[in-house]
C-alpha atoms as a PDB file:
ATOM      1  CA  UNK A   1      27.306 152.745  75.147  1.00  0.00           C
ATOM      2  CA  UNK A   2      31.050 153.316  75.165  1.00  0.00           C
ATOM      3  CA  UNK A   3      33.405 151.877  72.523  1.00  0.00           C
ATOM      4  CA  UNK A   4      35.605 149.273  74.169  1.00  0.00           C
ATOM      5  CA  UNK A   5      37.342 147.713  71.193  1.00  0.00           C
ATOM      6  CA  UNK A   6      37.574 148.235  67.438  1.00  0.00           C
ATOM      7  CA  UNK A   7      39.154 145.774  65.009  1.00  0.00           C
ATOM      8  CA  UNK A   8      41.295 146.672  62.034  1.00  0.00           C
ATOM      9  CA  UNK A   9      39.399 147.241  58.786  1.00  0.00           C
ATOM     10  CA  UNK A  10      39.059 144.301  56.376  1.00  0.00           C
ATOM     11  CA  UNK A  11      39.080 145.806  52.886  1.00  0.00           C
ATOM     12  CA  UNK A  12      37.460 144.232  49.791  1.00  0.00           C
ATOM     13  CA  UNK A  13      36.321 141.084  51.558  1.00  0.00           C
ATOM     14  CA  UNK A  14      32.726 139.870  51.718  1.00  0.00           C
ATOM     15  CA  UNK A  15      33.687 137.165  54.261  1.00  0.00           C
ATOM     16  CA  UNK A  16      36.178 138.918  56.548  1.00  0.00           C
ATOM     17  CA  UNK A  17      38.184 137.032  59.152  1.00  0.00           C
ATOM     18  CA  UNK A  18      40.090 138.564  62.062  1.00  0.00           C
ATOM     19  CA  UNK A  19      42.709 137.048  64.289  1.00  0.00           C
ATOM     20  CA  UNK A  20      41.408 136.215  67.776  1.00  0.00           C
ATOM     21  CA  UNK A  21      41.655 139.013  70.318  1.00  0.00           C
ATOM     22  CA  UNK A  22      41.932 138.734  74.086  1.00  0.00           C
ATOM     23  CA  UNK A  23      40.457 141.391  76.369  1.00  0.00           C
ATOM     24  CA  UNK A  24      40.530 141.455  80.148  1.00  0.00           C
ATOM     25  CA  UNK A  25      37.162 141.421  81.925  1.00  0.00           C
ATOM     26  CA  UNK A  26      37.972 144.806  83.464  1.00  0.00           C
ATOM     27  CA  UNK A  27      38.419 146.263  79.943  1.00  0.00           C
ATOM     28  CA  UNK A  28      35.386 144.568  78.462  1.00  0.00           C
ATOM     29  CA  UNK A  29      32.706 145.025  81.100  1.00  0.00           C
ATOM     30  CA  UNK A  30      34.360 146.283  84.309  1.00  0.00           C
ATOM     31  CA  UNK A  31      33.933 142.737  85.725  1.00  0.00           C
ATOM     32  CA  UNK A  32      30.124 143.028  85.470  1.00  0.00           C
ATOM     33  CA  UNK A  33      29.022 139.950  83.513  1.00  0.00           C
ATOM     34  CA  UNK A  34      25.452 141.277  83.298  1.00  0.00           C
ATOM     35  CA  UNK A  35      26.415 144.595  81.659  1.00  0.00           C
ATOM     36  CA  UNK A  36      24.830 144.805  78.184  1.00  0.00           C
ATOM     37  CA  UNK A  37      27.221 145.238  75.245  1.00  0.00           C
ATOM     38  CA  UNK A  38      26.426 146.028  71.647  1.00  0.00           C
ATOM     39  CA  UNK A  39      28.547 144.170  69.105  1.00  0.00           C
ATOM     40  CA  UNK A  40      28.321 145.687  65.619  1.00  0.00           C
ATOM     41  CA  UNK A  41      29.753 144.962  62.194  1.00  0.00           C
ATOM     42  CA  UNK A  42      30.168 147.792  59.660  1.00  0.00           C
ATOM     43  CA  UNK A  43      31.059 148.098  55.990  1.00  0.00           C
ATOM     44  CA  UNK A  44      33.980 150.547  55.808  1.00  0.00           C
ATOM     45  CA  UNK A  45      33.805 153.364  53.250  1.00  0.00           C
ATOM     46  CA  UNK A  46      36.422 156.012  52.462  1.00  0.00           C
ATOM     47  CA  UNK A  47      33.786 158.758  52.785  1.00  0.00           C
ATOM     48  CA  UNK A  48      33.287 157.921  56.464  1.00  0.00           C
ATOM     49  CA  UNK A  49      29.609 156.976  56.007  1.00  0.00           C
ATOM     50  CA  UNK A  50      30.128 153.408  57.236  1.00  0.00           C
ATOM     51  CA  UNK A  51      27.091 151.163  56.725  1.00  0.00           C
ATOM     52  CA  UNK A  52      26.127 148.946  59.639  1.00  0.00           C
ATOM     53  CA  UNK A  53      25.617 145.351  58.469  1.00  0.00           C
ATOM     54  CA  UNK A  54      24.244 144.156  61.779  1.00  0.00           C
ATOM     55  CA  UNK A  55      24.515 144.206  65.540  1.00  0.00           C
ATOM     56  CA  UNK A  56      23.483 142.348  68.674  1.00  0.00           C
ATOM     57  CA  UNK A  57      23.016 143.267  72.323  1.00  0.00           C
ATOM     58  CA  UNK A  58      24.570 140.625  74.569  1.00  0.00           C
ATOM     59  CA  UNK A  59      26.179 140.231  78.009  1.00  0.00           C
ATOM     60  CA  UNK A  60      29.317 138.367  78.936  1.00  0.00           C
ATOM     61  CA  UNK A  61      27.099 135.958  80.878  1.00  0.00           C
ATOM     62  CA  UNK A  62      25.068 135.303  77.678  1.00  0.00           C
ATOM     63  CA  UNK A  63      28.264 134.441  75.805  1.00  0.00           C
ATOM     64  CA  UNK A  64      29.393 132.094  78.577  1.00  0.00           C
ATOM     65  CA  UNK A  65      26.018 130.304  78.487  1.00  0.00           C
ATOM     66  CA  UNK A  66      26.148 129.677  74.710  1.00  0.00           C
ATOM     67  CA  UNK A  67      27.804 126.302  75.228  1.00  0.00           C
ATOM     68  CA  UNK A  68      30.531 124.862  73.009  1.00  0.00           C
ATOM     69  CA  UNK A  69      29.385 126.547  69.807  1.00  0.00           C
ATOM     70  CA  UNK A  70      29.559 130.231  70.689  1.00  0.00           C
ATOM     71  CA  UNK A  71      27.883 131.840  67.679  1.00  0.00           C
ATOM     72  CA  UNK A  72      26.228 135.233  67.970  1.00  0.00           C
ATOM     73  CA  UNK A  73      23.651 136.142  65.319  1.00  0.00           C
ATOM     74  CA  UNK A  74      23.776 139.729  64.076  1.00  0.00           C
ATOM     75  CA  UNK A  75      20.562 141.375  62.922  1.00  0.00           C
ATOM     76  CA  UNK A  76      20.167 144.384  60.664  1.00  0.00           C
ATOM     77  CA  UNK A  77      17.950 147.392  61.417  1.00  0.00           C
ATOM     78  CA  UNK A  78      14.934 145.566  59.950  1.00  0.00           C
ATOM     79  CA  UNK A  79      15.475 142.630  62.317  1.00  0.00           C
ATOM     80  CA  UNK A  80      16.635 140.188  59.623  1.00  0.00           C
ATOM     81  CA  UNK A  81      19.662 137.953  60.042  1.00  0.00           C
ATOM     82  CA  UNK A  82      22.751 139.843  58.797  1.00  0.00           C
ATOM     83  CA  UNK A  83      25.591 137.493  59.758  1.00  0.00           C
ATOM     84  CA  UNK A  84      27.362 135.689  62.567  1.00  0.00           C
ATOM     85  CA  UNK A  85      30.237 136.236  64.973  1.00  0.00           C
ATOM     86  CA  UNK A  86      31.915 133.186  66.464  1.00  0.00           C
ATOM     87  CA  UNK A  87      33.605 133.299  69.882  1.00  0.00           C
ATOM     88  CA  UNK A  88      36.294 130.859  70.967  1.00  0.00           C
END
């Protein structure tokens, strides 16, 4: 997979919040709504050994089909629930 977007780091915050971001479909998935994307959340460390909290594989079509409450569940490497990402 190719990195498409990276947010700013949220330091010293166990419940981080980022301002909404808008990406064009050509940037996000080259207008292919069925292209799988991995969305990941990491814990930033100064050493560079960032720990992955969780991730999910999803398509743009999947996000569109989530209905009004667009919440994506992130799972850790063991498959347990690690957190949520909400789309507007």
